[in-house]
């Protein structure tokens, strides 16, 4: 970690996978709403 942030990125992806997926569902809901309204 003194040389680069690769391990930090790996750790944060693994510990926040579910939050990333929840945020993706929110983006999808926005897309879904627009498509259904059209």
ModelCIF file with pLDDT and N, C-alpha, C, O atoms, coordinates in Angstrom:
data_MODEL
#
_entry.id   MODEL 
#
_entity.id                         1 
_entity.type                       polymer 
_entity.pdbx_number_of_molecules   1 
#
_entity_poly.entity_id                      1 
_entity_poly.type                           'polypeptide(L)' 
_entity_poly.nstd_linkage                   no 
_entity_poly.nstd_monomer                   no 
_entity_poly.pdbx_seq_one_letter_code       
;(UNK)(UNK)(UNK)(UNK)(UNK)(UNK)(UNK)(UNK)(UNK)(UNK)(UNK)(UNK)(UNK)(UNK)(UNK)(UNK)
(UNK)(UNK)(UNK)(UNK)(UNK)(UNK)(UNK)(UNK)(UNK)(UNK)(UNK)(UNK)(UNK)(UNK)(UNK)(UNK)
(UNK)(UNK)(UNK)(UNK)(UNK)(UNK)
;
_entity_poly.pdbx_seq_one_letter_code_can   XXXXXXXXXXXXXXXXXXXXXXXXXXXXXXXXXXXXXX 
_entity_poly.pdbx_strand_id                 A 
#
loop_
_entity_poly_seq.entity_id 
_entity_poly_seq.num 
_entity_poly_seq.mon_id 
_entity_poly_seq.hetero 
1 1  UNK n 
1 2  UNK n 
1 3  UNK n 
1 4  UNK n 
1 5  UNK n 
1 6  UNK n 
1 7  UNK n 
1 8  UNK n 
1 9  UNK n 
1 10 UNK n 
1 11 UNK n 
1 12 UNK n 
1 13 UNK n 
1 14 UNK n 
1 15 UNK n 
1 16 UNK n 
1 17 UNK n 
1 18 UNK n 
1 19 UNK n 
1 20 UNK n 
1 21 UNK n 
1 22 UNK n 
1 23 UNK n 
1 24 UNK n 
1 25 UNK n 
1 26 UNK n 
1 27 UNK n 
1 28 UNK n 
1 29 UNK n 
1 30 UNK n 
1 31 UNK n 
1 32 UNK n 
1 33 UNK n 
1 34 UNK n 
1 35 UNK n 
1 36 UNK n 
1 37 UNK n 
1 38 UNK n 
#
_struct_asym.id          A 
_struct_asym.entity_id   1 
#
loop_
_ma_qa_metric.id 
_ma_qa_metric.mode 
_ma_qa_metric.name 
_ma_qa_metric.software_group_id 
_ma_qa_metric.type 
1 global pLDDT . pLDDT 
2 local  pLDDT . pLDDT 
#
_ma_qa_metric_global.metric_id      1 
_ma_qa_metric_global.metric_value   94.26 
_ma_qa_metric_global.model_id       1 
_ma_qa_metric_global.ordinal_id     1 
#
loop_
_ma_qa_metric_local.label_asym_id 
_ma_qa_metric_local.label_comp_id 
_ma_qa_metric_local.label_seq_id 
_ma_qa_metric_local.metric_id 
_ma_qa_metric_local.metric_value 
_ma_qa_metric_local.model_id 
_ma_qa_metric_local.ordinal_id 
A UNK 1  2 89.00 1 1  
A UNK 2  2 90.00 1 2  
A UNK 3  2 91.00 1 3  
A UNK 4  2 93.00 1 4  
A UNK 5  2 94.00 1 5  
A UNK 6  2 95.00 1 6  
A UNK 7  2 95.00 1 7  
A UNK 8  2 95.00 1 8  
A UNK 9  2 96.00 1 9  
A UNK 10 2 95.00 1 10 
A UNK 11 2 94.00 1 11 
A UNK 12 2 94.00 1 12 
A UNK 13 2 94.00 1 13 
A UNK 14 2 93.00 1 14 
A UNK 15 2 91.00 1 15 
A UNK 16 2 94.00 1 16 
A UNK 17 2 94.00 1 17 
A UNK 18 2 94.00 1 18 
A UNK 19 2 95.00 1 19 
A UNK 20 2 97.00 1 20 
A UNK 21 2 96.00 1 21 
A UNK 22 2 96.00 1 22 
A UNK 23 2 97.00 1 23 
A UNK 24 2 98.00 1 24 
A UNK 25 2 97.00 1 25 
A UNK 26 2 97.00 1 26 
A UNK 27 2 97.00 1 27 
A UNK 28 2 97.00 1 28 
A UNK 29 2 96.00 1 29 
A UNK 30 2 96.00 1 30 
A UNK 31 2 96.00 1 31 
A UNK 32 2 95.00 1 32 
A UNK 33 2 94.00 1 33 
A UNK 34 2 93.00 1 34 
A UNK 35 2 93.00 1 35 
A UNK 36 2 92.00 1 36 
A UNK 37 2 90.00 1 37 
A UNK 38 2 89.00 1 38 
#
loop_
_atom_site.group_PDB 
_atom_site.id 
_atom_site.type_symbol 
_atom_site.label_atom_id 
_atom_site.label_alt_id 
_atom_site.label_comp_id 
_atom_site.label_asym_id 
_atom_site.label_entity_id 
_atom_site.label_seq_id 
_atom_site.pdbx_PDB_ins_code 
_atom_site.Cartn_x 
_atom_site.Cartn_y 
_atom_site.Cartn_z 
_atom_site.occupancy 
_atom_site.B_iso_or_equiv 
_atom_site.pdbx_formal_charge 
_atom_site.auth_seq_id 
_atom_site.auth_comp_id 
_atom_site.auth_asym_id 
_atom_site.auth_atom_id 
_atom_site.pdbx_PDB_model_num 
ATOM 1   N N  . UNK A 1 1  ? 0.809   -1.216 0.000   1.00 89.00 ? 1  UNK A N  1 
ATOM 2   C CA . UNK A 1 1  ? 0.000   0.000  0.000   1.00 89.00 ? 1  UNK A CA 1 
ATOM 3   C C  . UNK A 1 1  ? 0.843   1.268  0.000   1.00 89.00 ? 1  UNK A C  1 
ATOM 4   O O  . UNK A 1 1  ? 0.323   2.351  -0.269  1.00 89.00 ? 1  UNK A O  1 
ATOM 5   N N  . UNK A 1 2  ? 2.132   1.154  0.296   1.00 90.00 ? 2  UNK A N  1 
ATOM 6   C CA . UNK A 1 2  ? 3.002   2.314  0.207   1.00 90.00 ? 2  UNK A CA 1 
ATOM 7   C C  . UNK A 1 2  ? 3.427   2.584  -1.234  1.00 90.00 ? 2  UNK A C  1 
ATOM 8   O O  . UNK A 1 2  ? 3.920   3.666  -1.554  1.00 90.00 ? 2  UNK A O  1 
ATOM 9   N N  . UNK A 1 3  ? 3.229   1.585  -2.102  1.00 91.00 ? 3  UNK A N  1 
ATOM 10  C CA . UNK A 1 3  ? 3.630   1.727  -3.502  1.00 91.00 ? 3  UNK A CA 1 
ATOM 11  C C  . UNK A 1 3  ? 2.465   2.118  -4.406  1.00 91.00 ? 3  UNK A C  1 
ATOM 12  O O  . UNK A 1 3  ? 2.654   2.865  -5.366  1.00 91.00 ? 3  UNK A O  1 
ATOM 13  N N  . UNK A 1 4  ? 1.270   1.625  -4.113  1.00 93.00 ? 4  UNK A N  1 
ATOM 14  C CA . UNK A 1 4  ? 0.100   1.932  -4.943  1.00 93.00 ? 4  UNK A CA 1 
ATOM 15  C C  . UNK A 1 4  ? -1.175  1.635  -4.154  1.00 93.00 ? 4  UNK A C  1 
ATOM 16  O O  . UNK A 1 4  ? -1.120  1.145  -3.026  1.00 93.00 ? 4  UNK A O  1 
ATOM 17  N N  . UNK A 1 5  ? -2.325  1.938  -4.764  1.00 94.00 ? 5  UNK A N  1 
ATOM 18  C CA . UNK A 1 5  ? -3.624  1.772  -4.090  1.00 94.00 ? 5  UNK A CA 1 
ATOM 19  C C  . UNK A 1 5  ? -4.375  0.529  -4.542  1.00 94.00 ? 5  UNK A C  1 
ATOM 20  O O  . UNK A 1 5  ? -5.574  0.417  -4.286  1.00 94.00 ? 5  UNK A O  1 
ATOM 21  N N  . UNK A 1 6  ? -3.713  -0.400 -5.198  1.00 95.00 ? 6  UNK A N  1 
ATOM 22  C CA . UNK A 1 6  ? -4.410  -1.570 -5.730  1.00 95.00 ? 6  UNK A CA 1 
ATOM 23  C C  . UNK A 1 6  ? -5.088  -2.380 -4.626  1.00 95.00 ? 6  UNK A C  1 
ATOM 24  O O  . UNK A 1 6  ? -6.227  -2.817 -4.787  1.00 95.00 ? 6  UNK A O  1 
ATOM 25  N N  . UNK A 1 7  ? -4.398  -2.579 -3.517  1.00 95.00 ? 7  UNK A N  1 
ATOM 26  C CA . UNK A 1 7  ? -4.979  -3.343 -2.409  1.00 95.00 ? 7  UNK A CA 1 
ATOM 27  C C  . UNK A 1 7  ? -6.148  -2.587 -1.790  1.00 95.00 ? 7  UNK A C  1 
ATOM 28  O O  . UNK A 1 7  ? -7.144  -3.197 -1.401  1.00 95.00 ? 7  UNK A O  1 
ATOM 29  N N  . UNK A 1 8  ? -6.037  -1.277 -1.697  1.00 95.00 ? 8  UNK A N  1 
ATOM 30  C CA . UNK A 1 8  ? -7.154  -0.473 -1.165  1.00 95.00 ? 8  UNK A CA 1 
ATOM 31  C C  . UNK A 1 8  ? -8.377  -0.658 -2.050  1.00 95.00 ? 8  UNK A C  1 
ATOM 32  O O  . UNK A 1 8  ? -9.484  -0.839 -1.544  1.00 95.00 ? 8  UNK A O  1 
ATOM 33  N N  . UNK A 1 9  ? -8.191  -0.615 -3.363  1.00 96.00 ? 9  UNK A N  1 
ATOM 34  C CA . UNK A 1 9  ? -9.305  -0.779 -4.288  1.00 96.00 ? 9  UNK A CA 1 
ATOM 35  C C  . UNK A 1 9  ? -9.921  -2.167 -4.142  1.00 96.00 ? 9  UNK A C  1 
ATOM 36  O O  . UNK A 1 9  ? -11.145 -2.300 -4.113  1.00 96.00 ? 9  UNK A O  1 
ATOM 37  N N  . UNK A 1 10 ? -9.092  -3.194 -4.050  1.00 95.00 ? 10 UNK A N  1 
ATOM 38  C CA . UNK A 1 10 ? -9.608  -4.564 -3.885  1.00 95.00 ? 10 UNK A CA 1 
ATOM 39  C C  . UNK A 1 10 ? -10.430 -4.679 -2.602  1.00 95.00 ? 10 UNK A C  1 
ATOM 40  O O  . UNK A 1 10 ? -11.531 -5.230 -2.605  1.00 95.00 ? 10 UNK A O  1 
ATOM 41  N N  . UNK A 1 11 ? -9.883  -4.153 -1.508  1.00 94.00 ? 11 UNK A N  1 
ATOM 42  C CA . UNK A 1 11 ? -10.557 -4.251 -0.216  1.00 94.00 ? 11 UNK A CA 1 
ATOM 43  C C  . UNK A 1 11 ? -11.906 -3.525 -0.246  1.00 94.00 ? 11 UNK A C  1 
ATOM 44  O O  . UNK A 1 11 ? -12.898 -4.023 0.286   1.00 94.00 ? 11 UNK A O  1 
ATOM 45  N N  . UNK A 1 12 ? -11.931 -2.360 -0.865  1.00 94.00 ? 12 UNK A N  1 
ATOM 46  C CA . UNK A 1 12 ? -13.161 -1.581 -0.878  1.00 94.00 ? 12 UNK A CA 1 
ATOM 47  C C  . UNK A 1 12 ? -14.210 -2.193 -1.803  1.00 94.00 ? 12 UNK A C  1 
ATOM 48  O O  . UNK A 1 12 ? -15.403 -2.123 -1.508  1.00 94.00 ? 12 UNK A O  1 
ATOM 49  N N  . UNK A 1 13 ? -13.789 -2.788 -2.911  1.00 94.00 ? 13 UNK A N  1 
ATOM 50  C CA . UNK A 1 13 ? -14.747 -3.462 -3.791  1.00 94.00 ? 13 UNK A CA 1 
ATOM 51  C C  . UNK A 1 13 ? -15.385 -4.647 -3.072  1.00 94.00 ? 13 UNK A C  1 
ATOM 52  O O  . UNK A 1 13 ? -16.596 -4.851 -3.153  1.00 94.00 ? 13 UNK A O  1 
ATOM 53  N N  . UNK A 1 14 ? -14.570 -5.421 -2.373  1.00 93.00 ? 14 UNK A N  1 
ATOM 54  C CA . UNK A 1 14 ? -15.070 -6.626 -1.712  1.00 93.00 ? 14 UNK A CA 1 
ATOM 55  C C  . UNK A 1 14 ? -15.979 -6.287 -0.533  1.00 93.00 ? 14 UNK A C  1 
ATOM 56  O O  . UNK A 1 14 ? -16.987 -6.963 -0.325  1.00 93.00 ? 14 UNK A O  1 
ATOM 57  N N  . UNK A 1 15 ? -15.649 -5.268 0.231   1.00 91.00 ? 15 UNK A N  1 
ATOM 58  C CA . UNK A 1 15 ? -16.445 -4.936 1.417   1.00 91.00 ? 15 UNK A CA 1 
ATOM 59  C C  . UNK A 1 15 ? -17.677 -4.104 1.088   1.00 91.00 ? 15 UNK A C  1 
ATOM 60  O O  . UNK A 1 15 ? -18.555 -3.940 1.935   1.00 91.00 ? 15 UNK A O  1 
ATOM 61  N N  . UNK A 1 16 ? -17.755 -3.579 -0.130  1.00 94.00 ? 16 UNK A N  1 
ATOM 62  C CA . UNK A 1 16 ? -18.894 -2.733 -0.498  1.00 94.00 ? 16 UNK A CA 1 
ATOM 63  C C  . UNK A 1 16 ? -19.644 -3.254 -1.720  1.00 94.00 ? 16 UNK A C  1 
ATOM 64  O O  . UNK A 1 16 ? -20.365 -2.500 -2.373  1.00 94.00 ? 16 UNK A O  1 
ATOM 65  N N  . UNK A 1 17 ? -19.478 -4.538 -2.034  1.00 94.00 ? 17 UNK A N  1 
ATOM 66  C CA . UNK A 1 17 ? -20.155 -5.111 -3.201  1.00 94.00 ? 17 UNK A CA 1 
ATOM 67  C C  . UNK A 1 17 ? -21.669 -4.947 -3.116  1.00 94.00 ? 17 UNK A C  1 
ATOM 68  O O  . UNK A 1 17 ? -22.307 -4.579 -4.102  1.00 94.00 ? 17 UNK A O  1 
ATOM 69  N N  . UNK A 1 18 ? -22.242 -5.214 -1.956  1.00 94.00 ? 18 UNK A N  1 
ATOM 70  C CA . UNK A 1 18 ? -23.693 -5.136 -1.818  1.00 94.00 ? 18 UNK A CA 1 
ATOM 71  C C  . UNK A 1 18 ? -24.194 -3.703 -1.963  1.00 94.00 ? 18 UNK A C  1 
ATOM 72  O O  . UNK A 1 18 ? -25.267 -3.469 -2.520  1.00 94.00 ? 18 UNK A O  1 
ATOM 73  N N  . UNK A 1 19 ? -23.419 -2.750 -1.463  1.00 95.00 ? 19 UNK A N  1 
ATOM 74  C CA . UNK A 1 19 ? -23.832 -1.354 -1.618  1.00 95.00 ? 19 UNK A CA 1 
ATOM 75  C C  . UNK A 1 19 ? -23.775 -0.953 -3.086  1.00 95.00 ? 19 UNK A C  1 
ATOM 76  O O  . UNK A 1 19 ? -24.659 -0.242 -3.566  1.00 95.00 ? 19 UNK A O  1 
ATOM 77  N N  . UNK A 1 20 ? -22.748 -1.399 -3.805  1.00 97.00 ? 20 UNK A N  1 
ATOM 78  C CA . UNK A 1 20 ? -22.635 -1.114 -5.234  1.00 97.00 ? 20 UNK A CA 1 
ATOM 79  C C  . UNK A 1 20 ? -23.829 -1.701 -5.990  1.00 97.00 ? 20 UNK A C  1 
ATOM 80  O O  . UNK A 1 20 ? -24.346 -1.081 -6.919  1.00 97.00 ? 20 UNK A O  1 
ATOM 81  N N  . UNK A 1 21 ? -24.262 -2.895 -5.589  1.00 96.00 ? 21 UNK A N  1 
ATOM 82  C CA . UNK A 1 21 ? -25.396 -3.535 -6.247  1.00 96.00 ? 21 UNK A CA 1 
ATOM 83  C C  . UNK A 1 21 ? -26.710 -2.819 -5.904  1.00 96.00 ? 21 UNK A C  1 
ATOM 84  O O  . UNK A 1 21 ? -27.600 -2.708 -6.747  1.00 96.00 ? 21 UNK A O  1 
ATOM 85  N N  . UNK A 1 22 ? -26.820 -2.340 -4.669  1.00 96.00 ? 22 UNK A N  1 
ATOM 86  C CA . UNK A 1 22 ? -28.016 -1.581 -4.285  1.00 96.00 ? 22 UNK A CA 1 
ATOM 87  C C  . UNK A 1 22 ? -28.110 -0.281 -5.079  1.00 96.00 ? 22 UNK A C  1 
ATOM 88  O O  . UNK A 1 22 ? -29.187 0.099  -5.539  1.00 96.00 ? 22 UNK A O  1 
ATOM 89  N N  . UNK A 1 23 ? -26.976 0.394  -5.236  1.00 97.00 ? 23 UNK A N  1 
ATOM 90  C CA . UNK A 1 23 ? -26.969 1.632  -6.021  1.00 97.00 ? 23 UNK A CA 1 
ATOM 91  C C  . UNK A 1 23 ? -27.319 1.336  -7.471  1.00 97.00 ? 23 UNK A C  1 
ATOM 92  O O  . UNK A 1 23 ? -27.999 2.134  -8.117  1.00 97.00 ? 23 UNK A O  1 
ATOM 93  N N  . UNK A 1 24 ? -26.863 0.198  -7.991  1.00 98.00 ? 24 UNK A N  1 
ATOM 94  C CA . UNK A 1 24 ? -27.192 -0.194 -9.365  1.00 98.00 ? 24 UNK A CA 1 
ATOM 95  C C  . UNK A 1 24 ? -28.686 -0.408 -9.516  1.00 98.00 ? 24 UNK A C  1 
ATOM 96  O O  . UNK A 1 24 ? -29.272 -0.028 -10.529 1.00 98.00 ? 24 UNK A O  1 
ATOM 97  N N  . UNK A 1 25 ? -29.309 -1.019 -8.507  1.00 97.00 ? 25 UNK A N  1 
ATOM 98  C CA . UNK A 1 25 ? -30.764 -1.212 -8.555  1.00 97.00 ? 25 UNK A CA 1 
ATOM 99  C C  . UNK A 1 25 ? -31.491 0.135  -8.599  1.00 97.00 ? 25 UNK A C  1 
ATOM 100 O O  . UNK A 1 25 ? -32.527 0.267  -9.251  1.00 97.00 ? 25 UNK A O  1 
ATOM 101 N N  . UNK A 1 26 ? -30.944 1.126  -7.905  1.00 97.00 ? 26 UNK A N  1 
ATOM 102 C CA . UNK A 1 26 ? -31.549 2.465  -7.939  1.00 97.00 ? 26 UNK A CA 1 
ATOM 103 C C  . UNK A 1 26 ? -31.429 3.077  -9.329  1.00 97.00 ? 26 UNK A C  1 
ATOM 104 O O  . UNK A 1 26 ? -32.376 3.695  -9.818  1.00 97.00 ? 26 UNK A O  1 
ATOM 105 N N  . UNK A 1 27 ? -30.263 2.909  -9.975  1.00 97.00 ? 27 UNK A N  1 
ATOM 106 C CA . UNK A 1 27 ? -30.095 3.402  -11.344 1.00 97.00 ? 27 UNK A CA 1 
ATOM 107 C C  . UNK A 1 27 ? -31.059 2.684  -12.288 1.00 97.00 ? 27 UNK A C  1 
ATOM 108 O O  . UNK A 1 27 ? -31.632 3.294  -13.191 1.00 97.00 ? 27 UNK A O  1 
ATOM 109 N N  . UNK A 1 28 ? -31.227 1.390  -12.067 1.00 97.00 ? 28 UNK A N  1 
ATOM 110 C CA . UNK A 1 28 ? -32.149 0.616  -12.905 1.00 97.00 ? 28 UNK A CA 1 
ATOM 111 C C  . UNK A 1 28 ? -33.582 1.100  -12.720 1.00 97.00 ? 28 UNK A C  1 
ATOM 112 O O  . UNK A 1 28 ? -34.328 1.215  -13.693 1.00 97.00 ? 28 UNK A O  1 
ATOM 113 N N  . UNK A 1 29 ? -33.972 1.383  -11.482 1.00 96.00 ? 29 UNK A N  1 
ATOM 114 C CA . UNK A 1 29 ? -35.334 1.846  -11.227 1.00 96.00 ? 29 UNK A CA 1 
ATOM 115 C C  . UNK A 1 29 ? -35.609 3.145  -11.978 1.00 96.00 ? 29 UNK A C  1 
ATOM 116 O O  . UNK A 1 29 ? -36.713 3.356  -12.482 1.00 96.00 ? 29 UNK A O  1 
ATOM 117 N N  . UNK A 1 30 ? -34.607 4.010  -12.052 1.00 96.00 ? 30 UNK A N  1 
ATOM 118 C CA . UNK A 1 30 ? -34.765 5.258  -12.792 1.00 96.00 ? 30 UNK A CA 1 
ATOM 119 C C  . UNK A 1 30 ? -34.953 4.975  -14.285 1.00 96.00 ? 30 UNK A C  1 
ATOM 120 O O  . UNK A 1 30 ? -35.804 5.580  -14.937 1.00 96.00 ? 30 UNK A O  1 
ATOM 121 N N  . UNK A 1 31 ? -34.155 4.054  -14.815 1.00 96.00 ? 31 UNK A N  1 
ATOM 122 C CA . UNK A 1 31 ? -34.281 3.664  -16.227 1.00 96.00 ? 31 UNK A CA 1 
ATOM 123 C C  . UNK A 1 31 ? -35.650 3.034  -16.480 1.00 96.00 ? 31 UNK A C  1 
ATOM 124 O O  . UNK A 1 31 ? -36.317 3.346  -17.467 1.00 96.00 ? 31 UNK A O  1 
ATOM 125 N N  . UNK A 1 32 ? -36.056 2.148  -15.578 1.00 95.00 ? 32 UNK A N  1 
ATOM 126 C CA . UNK A 1 32 ? -37.332 1.435  -15.715 1.00 95.00 ? 32 UNK A CA 1 
ATOM 127 C C  . UNK A 1 32 ? -38.503 2.404  -15.720 1.00 95.00 ? 32 UNK A C  1 
ATOM 128 O O  . UNK A 1 32 ? -39.422 2.278  -16.530 1.00 95.00 ? 32 UNK A O  1 
ATOM 129 N N  . UNK A 1 33 ? -38.465 3.362  -14.822 1.00 94.00 ? 33 UNK A N  1 
ATOM 130 C CA . UNK A 1 33 ? -39.550 4.335  -14.737 1.00 94.00 ? 33 UNK A CA 1 
ATOM 131 C C  . UNK A 1 33 ? -39.678 5.119  -16.047 1.00 94.00 ? 33 UNK A C  1 
ATOM 132 O O  . UNK A 1 33 ? -40.780 5.301  -16.565 1.00 94.00 ? 33 UNK A O  1 
ATOM 133 N N  . UNK A 1 34 ? -38.544 5.580  -16.573 1.00 93.00 ? 34 UNK A N  1 
ATOM 134 C CA . UNK A 1 34 ? -38.567 6.343  -17.823 1.00 93.00 ? 34 UNK A CA 1 
ATOM 135 C C  . UNK A 1 34 ? -39.086 5.508  -18.983 1.00 93.00 ? 34 UNK A C  1 
ATOM 136 O O  . UNK A 1 34 ? -39.859 5.995  -19.807 1.00 93.00 ? 34 UNK A O  1 
ATOM 137 N N  . UNK A 1 35 ? -38.661 4.250  -19.048 1.00 93.00 ? 35 UNK A N  1 
ATOM 138 C CA . UNK A 1 35 ? -39.084 3.375  -20.151 1.00 93.00 ? 35 UNK A CA 1 
ATOM 139 C C  . UNK A 1 35 ? -40.588 3.094  -20.074 1.00 93.00 ? 35 UNK A C  1 
ATOM 140 O O  . UNK A 1 35 ? -41.279 3.130  -21.092 1.00 93.00 ? 35 UNK A O  1 
ATOM 141 N N  . UNK A 1 36 ? -41.090 2.817  -18.879 1.00 92.00 ? 36 UNK A N  1 
ATOM 142 C CA . UNK A 1 36 ? -42.507 2.509  -18.727 1.00 92.00 ? 36 UNK A CA 1 
ATOM 143 C C  . UNK A 1 36 ? -43.378 3.740  -18.987 1.00 92.00 ? 36 UNK A C  1 
ATOM 144 O O  . UNK A 1 36 ? -44.474 3.625  -19.536 1.00 92.00 ? 36 UNK A O  1 
ATOM 145 N N  . UNK A 1 37 ? -42.889 4.912  -18.594 1.00 90.00 ? 37 UNK A N  1 
ATOM 146 C CA . UNK A 1 37 ? -43.644 6.135  -18.868 1.00 90.00 ? 37 UNK A CA 1 
ATOM 147 C C  . UNK A 1 37 ? -43.722 6.400  -20.366 1.00 90.00 ? 37 UNK A C  1 
ATOM 148 O O  . UNK A 1 37 ? -44.743 6.874  -20.865 1.00 90.00 ? 37 UNK A O  1 
ATOM 149 N N  . UNK A 1 38 ? -42.641 6.094  -21.084 1.00 89.00 ? 38 UNK A N  1 
ATOM 150 C CA . UNK A 1 38 ? -42.657 6.251  -22.543 1.00 89.00 ? 38 UNK A CA 1 
ATOM 151 C C  . UNK A 1 38 ? -43.645 5.286  -23.194 1.00 89.00 ? 38 UNK A C  1 
ATOM 152 O O  . UNK A 1 38 ? -43.788 5.282  -24.417 1.00 89.00 ? 38 UNK A O  1 
#
